[in-house]
Structure formats: C-alpha cells, structure tokens
C-alpha cells in the first residue's frame, strides 16, 4: 500500500481530522475513556514504558496516562508536521520521550522493550499481511505480560469491506456539519485507505503472533461507524 500518498493527504487535511476528533465523530471520547480506565486497573502504580503507533499529535495521550506512572513515551508516525505537535503535547516532567518519523508497517526504528503498546485509528490502514507482520514485531518488543491496546475501526462479522465502505460512507454523508472539501476528503480517505478487520480476524492475527485477547468492547453509541477497543496481553 502507498502509505506515503496517504500521509500527503493527511498533512493537507489535518484540520479536518482534528475536527472529527474534537466533535467525537468516530467515538474517540468514549473509547479513550475505556482505555484510561482499563490501563489504570491493570497498571496501578507500576511504571509504564509506552510505545505509541501512529501517534498523530498525541493530544489524547496526556489524559489517558494522567493517572499512570509514565516514565517513557516513544512515538511513531508518518506525518512530520503532526509529530512536531506531538512533541509539544508530550512535554511532561519526568517522562523521557522519543519521536520517530516512520511508517508503522515498516520495521520500527524504536529500540528496547515496552510494557504498554498503544495505537488509535491507525492499524486499519494496513493490509492483512502488514497487520500480521506488525503484530509479530510488536510481540518481540513487548515485555513479559505487557499489554497492546488497540482502538480502531472494525468490520462487523457480517460485513465485507464493500459493505463497510458503503455503511461508513452513508454515516459521514449524514453529518450536515461536515461539508465541501472536508466531506470529500473523508469519503475519499475511507474508500482508499480503510481496510478494517473483524474482531475475530484480529484475534486470529493476535494469536498467531502470541498475543492473547484479554478484553474487547465494540462502541455501541455509533452503530453506523463500527469501532472498538481491544486489549491484548503478551503470552
């Protein structure tokens, strides 16, 4: 897949993406609250070394990790312009931060191991084989019993990709505040770059790479935009 052409579009339309996030069009608020609660329950006061894949501007990460003992934050994204914003958003006392300009579906430049790996609305842009390779690489970077928390678009069990594109396209077209070039951008992006998997397929990918599914929840509030949080543990 040509992820570089994808990031060119992403750089041009970043304000549109921020509008989608700020207006909770894809359920970021509910899904991040779920992630925040699950991470606090799991880690408590334990020190956390976080690898963030497709971090964007990392604007939601400070709140997600606010109650955690975050000691290091390593971020990977393909868009240089938003990495610069992420650096500003993740300036936290006592947290060692690194930022890498890279495609998450290529060998990751981040070294070391992590007890928390996180990705939000990024992995569904990869092909099946790219997802399989990524899950395997992440398993090799995970500390024993480390978590991989994935928030992303999914296909429902009965949906083909064509069904998904049609349903999600109808959803975005129904949003009256999303107009003109922004609506065209979103619809084009979905049709060209969205390749979501079903929960069952993601579980199978995880098992193949020695990730065990601990928990998952499909966002019920947005039935026309299927998205979920999945929590895997290194097995």
Protein backbone atom coordinates (compact mmCIF):
# COMPACT_ATOMS: atom_id res chain seq x y z
CA UNK A 1 0.00 0.00 0.00
CA UNK A 2 1.19 3.53 -0.73
CA UNK A 3 1.18 4.93 2.77
CA UNK A 4 3.25 7.95 1.70
CA UNK A 5 0.49 9.22 -0.58
CA UNK A 6 -1.87 8.69 2.35
CA UNK A 7 0.26 10.91 4.60
CA UNK A 8 0.46 13.65 1.96
CA UNK A 9 -3.33 13.85 2.06
CA UNK A 10 -3.27 13.62 5.84
CA UNK A 11 -0.89 16.59 6.13
CA UNK A 12 -3.10 18.66 3.83
CA UNK A 13 -6.28 17.84 5.73
CA UNK A 14 -5.08 17.75 9.35
CA UNK A 15 -7.61 20.37 10.44
CA UNK A 16 -10.40 18.16 9.13
CA UNK A 17 -9.12 15.22 11.16
CA UNK A 18 -8.88 17.41 14.26
CA UNK A 19 -12.50 18.44 13.71
CA UNK A 20 -13.55 14.79 13.56
CA UNK A 21 -11.74 14.08 16.83
CA UNK A 22 -12.93 17.22 18.63
CA UNK A 23 -16.53 16.53 17.62
CA UNK A 24 -16.30 12.86 18.58
CA UNK A 25 -17.43 11.74 15.13
CA UNK A 26 -15.61 8.39 15.44
CA UNK A 27 -16.12 7.84 19.15
CA UNK A 28 -12.67 8.90 20.34
CA UNK A 29 -14.01 10.22 23.65
CA UNK A 30 -15.78 7.04 24.73
CA UNK A 31 -13.01 4.74 23.52
CA UNK A 32 -10.26 6.76 25.21
CA UNK A 33 -12.21 6.78 28.48
CA UNK A 34 -12.43 2.99 28.27
CA UNK A 35 -8.70 2.80 27.60
CA UNK A 36 -7.91 5.11 30.51
CA UNK A 37 -9.94 3.00 32.94
CA UNK A 38 -8.54 -0.31 31.71
CA UNK A 39 -4.95 0.93 31.94
CA UNK A 40 -5.39 2.25 35.47
CA UNK A 41 -6.93 -1.04 36.57
CA UNK A 42 -4.03 -3.01 35.08
CA UNK A 43 -1.01 -0.87 35.95
CA UNK A 44 -1.92 0.96 39.15
CA UNK A 45 1.37 2.47 40.41
CA UNK A 46 3.55 0.33 38.14
CA UNK A 47 6.00 2.25 35.95
CA UNK A 48 4.90 2.39 32.32
CA UNK A 49 7.05 2.47 29.20
CA UNK A 50 4.71 3.37 26.34
CA UNK A 51 5.11 2.82 22.59
CA UNK A 52 2.51 4.77 20.60
CA UNK A 53 1.98 3.72 16.98
CA UNK A 54 0.51 6.25 14.55
CA UNK A 55 0.53 8.79 17.36
CA UNK A 56 -0.72 11.79 15.35
CA UNK A 57 -0.49 14.88 17.55
CA UNK A 58 -0.74 12.74 20.75
CA UNK A 59 -3.35 15.17 22.04
CA UNK A 60 -5.35 12.48 23.84
CA UNK A 61 -2.39 10.65 25.41
CA UNK A 62 -1.76 13.00 28.37
CA UNK A 63 -5.29 12.43 29.67
CA UNK A 64 -5.10 8.68 29.03
CA UNK A 65 -1.86 8.42 31.03
CA UNK A 66 -2.60 11.11 33.64
CA UNK A 67 -3.08 8.60 36.47
CA UNK A 68 -0.27 6.29 35.35
CA UNK A 69 3.38 6.35 36.39
CA UNK A 70 4.56 7.08 32.85
CA UNK A 71 8.36 7.02 32.66
CA UNK A 72 8.96 6.85 28.90
CA UNK A 73 6.97 7.67 25.79
CA UNK A 74 8.07 6.54 22.32
CA UNK A 75 6.00 7.67 19.36
CA UNK A 76 5.99 6.67 15.69
CA UNK A 77 4.13 8.48 12.91
CA UNK A 78 4.50 9.03 9.19
CA UNK A 79 3.46 12.71 9.24
CA UNK A 80 6.30 15.02 10.23
CA UNK A 81 4.02 18.02 10.73
CA UNK A 82 1.95 16.30 13.43
CA UNK A 83 4.99 14.76 15.13
CA UNK A 84 6.11 18.32 15.86
CA UNK A 85 2.80 18.94 17.63
CA UNK A 86 3.11 15.62 19.47
CA UNK A 87 6.48 16.73 20.87
CA UNK A 88 4.80 19.78 22.37
CA UNK A 89 1.85 17.82 23.74
CA UNK A 90 4.07 15.23 25.43
CA UNK A 91 6.44 17.59 27.25
CA UNK A 92 5.90 16.08 30.68
CA UNK A 93 8.25 16.30 33.68
CA UNK A 94 9.98 13.01 34.40
CA UNK A 95 8.96 11.40 31.09
CA UNK A 96 11.71 10.52 28.61
CA UNK A 97 10.25 10.98 25.12
CA UNK A 98 11.37 9.89 21.67
CA UNK A 99 9.70 10.59 18.33
CA UNK A 100 10.32 8.67 15.12
CA UNK A 101 9.25 9.62 11.61
CA UNK A 102 8.40 6.24 10.13
CA UNK A 103 5.72 4.04 8.62
CA UNK A 104 4.36 1.71 11.30
CA UNK A 105 4.10 -1.05 8.68
CA UNK A 106 7.85 -0.98 8.06
CA UNK A 107 10.48 -2.20 10.55
CA UNK A 108 10.08 0.08 13.54
CA UNK A 109 13.04 2.31 14.43
CA UNK A 110 12.13 2.28 18.12
CA UNK A 111 14.52 0.11 20.15
CA UNK A 112 14.09 -1.53 23.51
CA UNK A 113 11.06 -3.16 25.08
CA UNK A 114 7.75 -1.81 26.33
CA UNK A 115 5.16 -2.90 28.85
CA UNK A 116 2.44 -0.90 27.06
CA UNK A 117 1.91 -0.58 23.32
CA UNK A 118 -0.91 1.62 22.10
CA UNK A 119 -2.44 2.51 18.75
CA UNK A 120 -5.52 4.55 17.90
CA UNK A 121 -7.18 4.54 14.47
CA UNK A 122 -4.00 3.65 12.57
CA UNK A 123 -3.69 -0.10 12.11
CA UNK A 124 -6.81 -0.43 9.94
CA UNK A 125 -4.87 1.38 7.18
CA UNK A 126 -2.67 -1.68 6.62
CA UNK A 127 -3.25 -4.77 4.51
CA UNK A 128 -3.82 -8.12 6.20
CA UNK A 129 -0.19 -9.14 5.68
CA UNK A 130 1.02 -5.78 7.03
CA UNK A 131 -1.09 -6.21 10.15
CA UNK A 132 0.26 -9.73 10.66
CA UNK A 133 3.86 -8.54 10.36
CA UNK A 134 3.21 -5.61 12.70
CA UNK A 135 1.61 -7.77 15.41
CA UNK A 136 4.63 -10.09 15.27
CA UNK A 137 7.11 -7.23 15.53
CA UNK A 138 5.20 -5.70 18.42
CA UNK A 139 5.22 -9.02 20.26
CA UNK A 140 9.01 -9.03 20.02
CA UNK A 141 9.10 -5.55 21.55
CA UNK A 142 6.69 -6.37 24.38
CA UNK A 143 7.86 -7.08 27.90
CA UNK A 144 6.51 -10.27 29.53
CA UNK A 145 2.79 -9.84 30.22
CA UNK A 146 2.87 -6.42 28.54
CA UNK A 147 -0.32 -5.01 27.04
CA UNK A 148 -1.16 -3.98 23.49
CA UNK A 149 -4.19 -1.69 23.49
CA UNK A 150 -5.71 -1.06 20.10
CA UNK A 151 -8.51 1.40 19.36
CA UNK A 152 -9.65 1.21 15.77
CA UNK A 153 -12.29 0.91 13.13
CA UNK A 154 -13.52 -2.65 12.62
CA UNK A 155 -15.72 -4.63 10.27
CA UNK A 156 -18.69 -6.31 11.87
CA UNK A 157 -18.78 -10.08 11.44
CA UNK A 158 -21.33 -9.99 8.62
CA UNK A 159 -19.64 -7.14 6.73
CA UNK A 160 -17.45 -7.30 3.67
CA UNK A 161 -15.12 -4.38 3.06
CA UNK A 162 -17.54 -3.10 0.41
CA UNK A 163 -20.36 -3.24 2.97
CA UNK A 164 -18.19 -1.34 5.44
CA UNK A 165 -17.27 1.36 2.89
CA UNK A 166 -20.92 1.85 1.95
CA UNK A 167 -22.17 1.97 5.55
CA UNK A 168 -19.45 4.30 6.79
CA UNK A 169 -19.82 6.49 3.71
CA UNK A 170 -23.52 6.89 4.46
CA UNK A 171 -22.64 7.83 8.04
CA UNK A 172 -20.22 10.59 7.05
CA UNK A 173 -22.58 11.90 4.37
CA UNK A 174 -25.29 12.22 7.03
CA UNK A 175 -23.21 14.66 9.11
CA UNK A 176 -24.50 18.05 7.97
CA UNK A 177 -21.65 20.00 9.61
CA UNK A 178 -19.12 18.07 7.52
CA UNK A 179 -19.25 19.91 4.22
CA UNK A 180 -17.45 20.65 0.98
CA UNK A 181 -13.82 19.64 0.65
CA UNK A 182 -13.72 18.09 4.10
CA UNK A 183 -16.57 15.70 3.34
CA UNK A 184 -14.95 14.74 0.03
CA UNK A 185 -11.63 14.20 1.79
CA UNK A 186 -13.17 11.90 4.40
CA UNK A 187 -15.11 9.86 1.85
CA UNK A 188 -12.05 9.51 -0.39
CA UNK A 189 -9.89 8.55 2.57
CA UNK A 190 -12.30 5.83 3.69
CA UNK A 191 -12.61 4.32 0.21
CA UNK A 192 -8.87 4.36 -0.49
CA UNK A 193 -7.22 3.67 2.86
CA UNK A 194 -9.62 1.88 5.22
CA UNK A 195 -9.02 -1.88 5.41
CA UNK A 196 -10.51 -2.84 8.77
CA UNK A 197 -10.68 -6.40 10.04
CA UNK A 198 -13.35 -8.10 12.11
CA UNK A 199 -12.79 -8.77 15.80
CA UNK A 200 -12.44 -12.47 15.00
CA UNK A 201 -9.76 -11.79 12.38
CA UNK A 202 -7.82 -9.51 14.74
CA UNK A 203 -7.97 -12.17 17.46
CA UNK A 204 -6.57 -14.71 14.98
CA UNK A 205 -3.78 -12.32 13.96
CA UNK A 206 -3.00 -11.79 17.62
CA UNK A 207 -2.92 -15.48 18.46
CA UNK A 208 -0.61 -16.16 15.54
CA UNK A 209 1.81 -13.56 16.96
CA UNK A 210 1.42 -14.78 20.59
CA UNK A 211 -0.94 -12.05 21.75
CA UNK A 212 -3.83 -13.21 23.94
CA UNK A 213 -7.05 -11.18 23.88
CA UNK A 214 -7.92 -10.06 27.41
CA UNK A 215 -10.88 -7.82 26.67
CA UNK A 216 -12.68 -6.00 23.92
CA UNK A 217 -15.65 -3.70 23.57
CA UNK A 218 -17.42 -2.52 20.42
CA UNK A 219 -18.65 1.06 20.69
CA UNK A 220 -22.43 0.80 20.86
CA UNK A 221 -23.12 4.54 20.66
CA UNK A 222 -22.14 4.75 16.98
CA UNK A 223 -23.75 1.77 15.22
CA UNK A 224 -23.07 3.27 11.78
CA UNK A 225 -19.34 3.67 12.46
CA UNK A 226 -18.11 0.38 13.89
CA UNK A 227 -15.12 0.88 16.17
CA UNK A 228 -13.75 -0.99 19.15
CA UNK A 229 -11.12 -1.18 21.84
CA UNK A 230 -9.13 -4.42 22.09
CA UNK A 231 -6.75 -5.27 24.89
CA UNK A 232 -4.14 -7.95 24.15
CA UNK A 233 -1.52 -9.37 26.51
CA UNK A 234 1.82 -10.88 25.54
CA UNK A 235 1.56 -14.63 26.05
